[in-house]
Amino acid sequence: MEQVIAKKYARALFNAAIENDSIEKYYSELKSISEMLKNRQIYKIITTRGIYIKQKMRLIDDILNGYDKEVINFIKLIISKHREHIFQEIFNEYEKLYLDYKGIINATLISAHPLDSKTLDAIKSRLESNFKKTVNLNPTVDESILGGLKILIGNKVIDGSIKGKLETMLKNLVSAS
């Protein structure tokens, strides 16, 4: 249910951003607010129900001084509707809309060992060619995959790891018997 609500809020702000020609600005400011909310004290103040909404609104005015008025009003709306606990989900949904609008996808590349920049560039280029979008590649190392590569893009998994191939072989053997 919260995911549906987060999508609605994100879509509403994204539509306002398009109308105001402020997609980049809103994204940047929401990302900054998301970072601020990682501060436990600020997060606790914003999400505690025992603190009056007027106090929260004053805090928002203080910490978001200089931010776009539309973004400030959006945050105040979230607080007034008692949705502050799902701000991160709202931001995540907005980020998806933003990246899709800009033609960007995030990909996590998992390898058993660190890869050199030439290999990473070649993989990125291949992904960009296949998906026809700009790729933000996030390489990570996970020795448990034994070898090969595993790529995560949204809810898609491209598993070329040795571990993945062994698991597939095992499933095939079990189902064959």
Protein backbone atom coordinates (compact mmCIF):
# COMPACT_ATOMS: atom_id res chain seq x y z
CA MET A 1 0.00 0.00 0.00
CA GLU A 2 2.79 2.43 0.90
CA GLN A 3 4.46 1.75 -2.45
CA VAL A 4 1.27 2.80 -4.27
CA ILE A 5 1.03 5.98 -2.17
CA ALA A 6 4.72 6.75 -2.76
CA LYS A 7 4.23 6.38 -6.52
CA LYS A 8 1.27 8.79 -6.48
CA TYR A 9 3.19 11.45 -4.56
CA ALA A 10 6.28 11.04 -6.75
CA ARG A 11 4.23 11.20 -9.94
CA ALA A 12 2.45 14.37 -8.75
CA LEU A 13 5.73 16.14 -7.97
CA PHE A 14 7.32 14.92 -11.18
CA ASN A 15 4.41 16.32 -13.21
CA ALA A 16 4.83 19.64 -11.38
CA ALA A 17 8.55 19.53 -12.16
CA ILE A 18 7.80 19.07 -15.86
CA GLU A 19 5.31 21.94 -15.81
CA ASN A 20 7.82 24.20 -14.03
CA ASP A 21 10.74 23.03 -16.18
CA SER A 22 12.52 22.10 -12.94
CA ILE A 23 13.12 18.37 -13.24
CA GLU A 24 16.86 18.64 -12.48
CA LYS A 25 16.36 21.11 -9.64
CA TYR A 26 13.63 19.08 -7.90
CA TYR A 27 15.66 15.90 -8.24
CA SER A 28 18.75 17.56 -6.80
CA GLU A 29 16.81 19.03 -3.89
CA LEU A 30 14.96 15.80 -3.12
CA LYS A 31 18.26 13.93 -3.18
CA SER A 32 19.69 16.47 -0.74
CA ILE A 33 16.66 16.08 1.55
CA SER A 34 17.03 12.31 1.38
CA GLU A 35 20.64 12.71 2.56
CA MET A 36 19.52 15.05 5.37
CA LEU A 37 17.01 12.49 6.58
CA LYS A 38 19.84 10.00 7.06
CA ASN A 39 20.73 12.14 10.08
CA ARG A 40 19.00 10.26 12.91
CA GLN A 41 18.09 13.41 14.84
CA ILE A 42 16.41 15.11 11.90
CA TYR A 43 14.66 11.89 10.89
CA LYS A 44 13.39 11.35 14.43
CA ILE A 45 12.03 14.90 14.68
CA ILE A 46 10.30 14.68 11.31
CA THR A 47 8.75 11.23 11.89
CA THR A 48 7.80 11.44 15.58
CA ARG A 49 4.03 11.79 15.92
CA GLY A 50 4.35 13.43 19.35
CA ILE A 51 5.90 16.55 17.83
CA TYR A 52 3.38 19.14 16.64
CA ILE A 53 3.10 19.61 12.89
CA LYS A 54 3.69 23.37 13.29
CA GLN A 55 7.06 22.62 14.91
CA LYS A 56 7.94 20.28 12.07
CA MET A 57 6.94 22.92 9.53
CA ARG A 58 9.20 25.49 11.20
CA LEU A 59 12.07 23.00 11.10
CA ILE A 60 11.41 22.39 7.40
CA ASP A 61 11.45 26.14 6.74
CA ASP A 62 14.75 26.44 8.60
CA ILE A 63 16.63 23.49 7.10
CA LEU A 64 15.26 23.95 3.57
CA ASN A 65 15.86 27.68 3.42
CA GLY A 66 16.79 28.49 -0.18
CA TYR A 67 15.12 25.42 -1.67
CA ASP A 68 12.45 25.71 -4.35
CA LYS A 69 9.09 26.73 -2.84
CA GLU A 70 7.32 23.86 -4.63
CA VAL A 71 9.67 21.29 -3.06
CA ILE A 72 9.24 22.85 0.40
CA ASN A 73 5.46 22.80 0.02
CA PHE A 74 5.64 19.19 -1.16
CA ILE A 75 7.58 18.17 1.96
CA LYS A 76 5.09 20.07 4.13
CA LEU A 77 2.24 18.27 2.39
CA ILE A 78 3.86 14.92 3.14
CA ILE A 79 4.18 15.90 6.79
CA SER A 80 0.64 17.26 7.04
CA LYS A 81 -0.70 13.96 5.63
CA HIS A 82 1.46 11.95 8.08
CA ARG A 83 3.42 10.35 5.22
CA GLU A 84 6.88 11.48 6.37
CA HIS A 85 7.86 7.89 7.19
CA ILE A 86 7.64 6.99 3.48
CA PHE A 87 9.70 9.92 2.19
CA GLN A 88 12.53 7.61 1.08
CA GLU A 89 10.09 5.50 -0.94
CA ILE A 90 8.68 8.67 -2.50
CA PHE A 91 12.19 9.82 -3.37
CA ASN A 92 13.03 6.39 -4.83
CA GLU A 93 9.94 6.54 -7.04
CA TYR A 94 10.76 10.11 -8.13
CA GLU A 95 14.29 8.99 -8.93
CA LYS A 96 12.93 6.19 -11.15
CA LEU A 97 10.78 8.71 -13.03
CA TYR A 98 13.73 11.09 -13.33
CA LEU A 99 16.14 8.44 -14.61
CA ASP A 100 13.58 7.08 -17.07
CA TYR A 101 12.87 10.60 -18.34
CA LYS A 102 16.62 11.22 -18.80
CA GLY A 103 17.15 7.82 -20.47
CA ILE A 104 19.43 6.53 -17.72
CA ILE A 105 19.48 3.10 -16.09
CA ASN A 106 21.41 1.95 -13.05
CA ALA A 107 23.21 -1.35 -13.30
CA THR A 108 25.09 -3.27 -10.65
CA LEU A 109 27.92 -5.38 -12.03
CA ILE A 110 29.02 -8.18 -9.73
CA SER A 111 32.30 -9.96 -10.34
CA ALA A 112 34.43 -12.34 -8.30
CA HIS A 113 37.44 -10.03 -8.64
CA PRO A 114 37.88 -6.29 -9.34
CA LEU A 115 37.73 -5.45 -13.04
CA ASP A 116 40.01 -2.98 -14.82
CA SER A 117 38.60 0.23 -16.30
CA LYS A 118 38.94 -1.01 -19.89
CA THR A 119 36.76 -4.05 -19.13
CA LEU A 120 34.23 -1.92 -17.24
CA ASP A 121 34.04 0.53 -20.15
CA ALA A 122 33.48 -2.31 -22.62
CA ILE A 123 30.68 -3.79 -20.48
CA LYS A 124 29.08 -0.37 -20.04
CA SER A 125 29.25 0.28 -23.78
CA ARG A 126 27.64 -3.10 -24.53
CA LEU A 127 24.84 -2.49 -22.03
CA GLU A 128 24.20 0.99 -23.46
CA SER A 129 24.04 -0.50 -26.94
CA ASN A 130 21.61 -3.24 -25.86
CA PHE A 131 19.32 -1.04 -23.75
CA LYS A 132 19.64 2.13 -25.88
CA LYS A 133 20.06 4.17 -22.68
CA THR A 134 22.89 5.71 -20.70
CA VAL A 135 24.11 3.25 -18.05
CA ASN A 136 25.36 4.15 -14.58
CA LEU A 137 27.52 1.13 -13.82
CA ASN A 138 28.18 0.24 -10.19
CA PRO A 139 30.85 -2.48 -10.02
CA THR A 140 30.97 -4.63 -6.89
CA VAL A 141 33.02 -7.65 -5.89
CA ASP A 142 31.45 -10.83 -4.52
CA GLU A 143 33.83 -13.76 -4.36
CA SER A 144 30.95 -16.19 -3.77
CA ILE A 145 29.99 -16.07 -7.47
CA LEU A 146 33.30 -17.91 -8.12
CA GLY A 147 33.85 -16.35 -11.57
CA GLY A 148 32.05 -14.76 -14.48
CA LEU A 149 29.71 -11.81 -14.10
CA LYS A 150 26.27 -11.05 -12.75
CA ILE A 151 24.44 -7.86 -13.78
CA LEU A 152 21.42 -6.43 -11.98
CA ILE A 153 19.31 -3.84 -13.80
CA GLY A 154 16.08 -2.97 -12.03
CA ASN A 155 14.32 -6.28 -11.59
CA LYS A 156 16.33 -7.97 -14.37
CA VAL A 157 19.21 -10.30 -13.58
CA ILE A 158 21.76 -11.34 -16.17
CA ASP A 159 23.61 -14.18 -14.51
CA GLY A 160 26.78 -15.31 -16.26
CA SER A 161 28.45 -16.34 -13.02
CA ILE A 162 29.94 -19.76 -12.48
CA LYS A 163 27.82 -20.12 -9.34
CA GLY A 164 24.66 -19.33 -11.35
CA LYS A 165 25.57 -21.84 -14.04
CA LEU A 166 26.27 -24.54 -11.43
CA GLU A 167 22.91 -23.85 -9.74
CA THR A 168 21.13 -24.09 -13.11
CA MET A 169 22.89 -27.39 -13.86
CA LEU A 170 21.89 -28.74 -10.44
CA LYS A 171 18.23 -27.77 -10.99
CA ASN A 172 18.27 -29.45 -14.39
CA LEU A 173 19.76 -32.62 -12.94
CA VAL A 174 17.24 -32.72 -10.11
CA SER A 175 14.27 -32.14 -12.42
CA ALA A 176 15.56 -34.79 -14.86
CA SER A 177 15.56 -37.52 -12.21
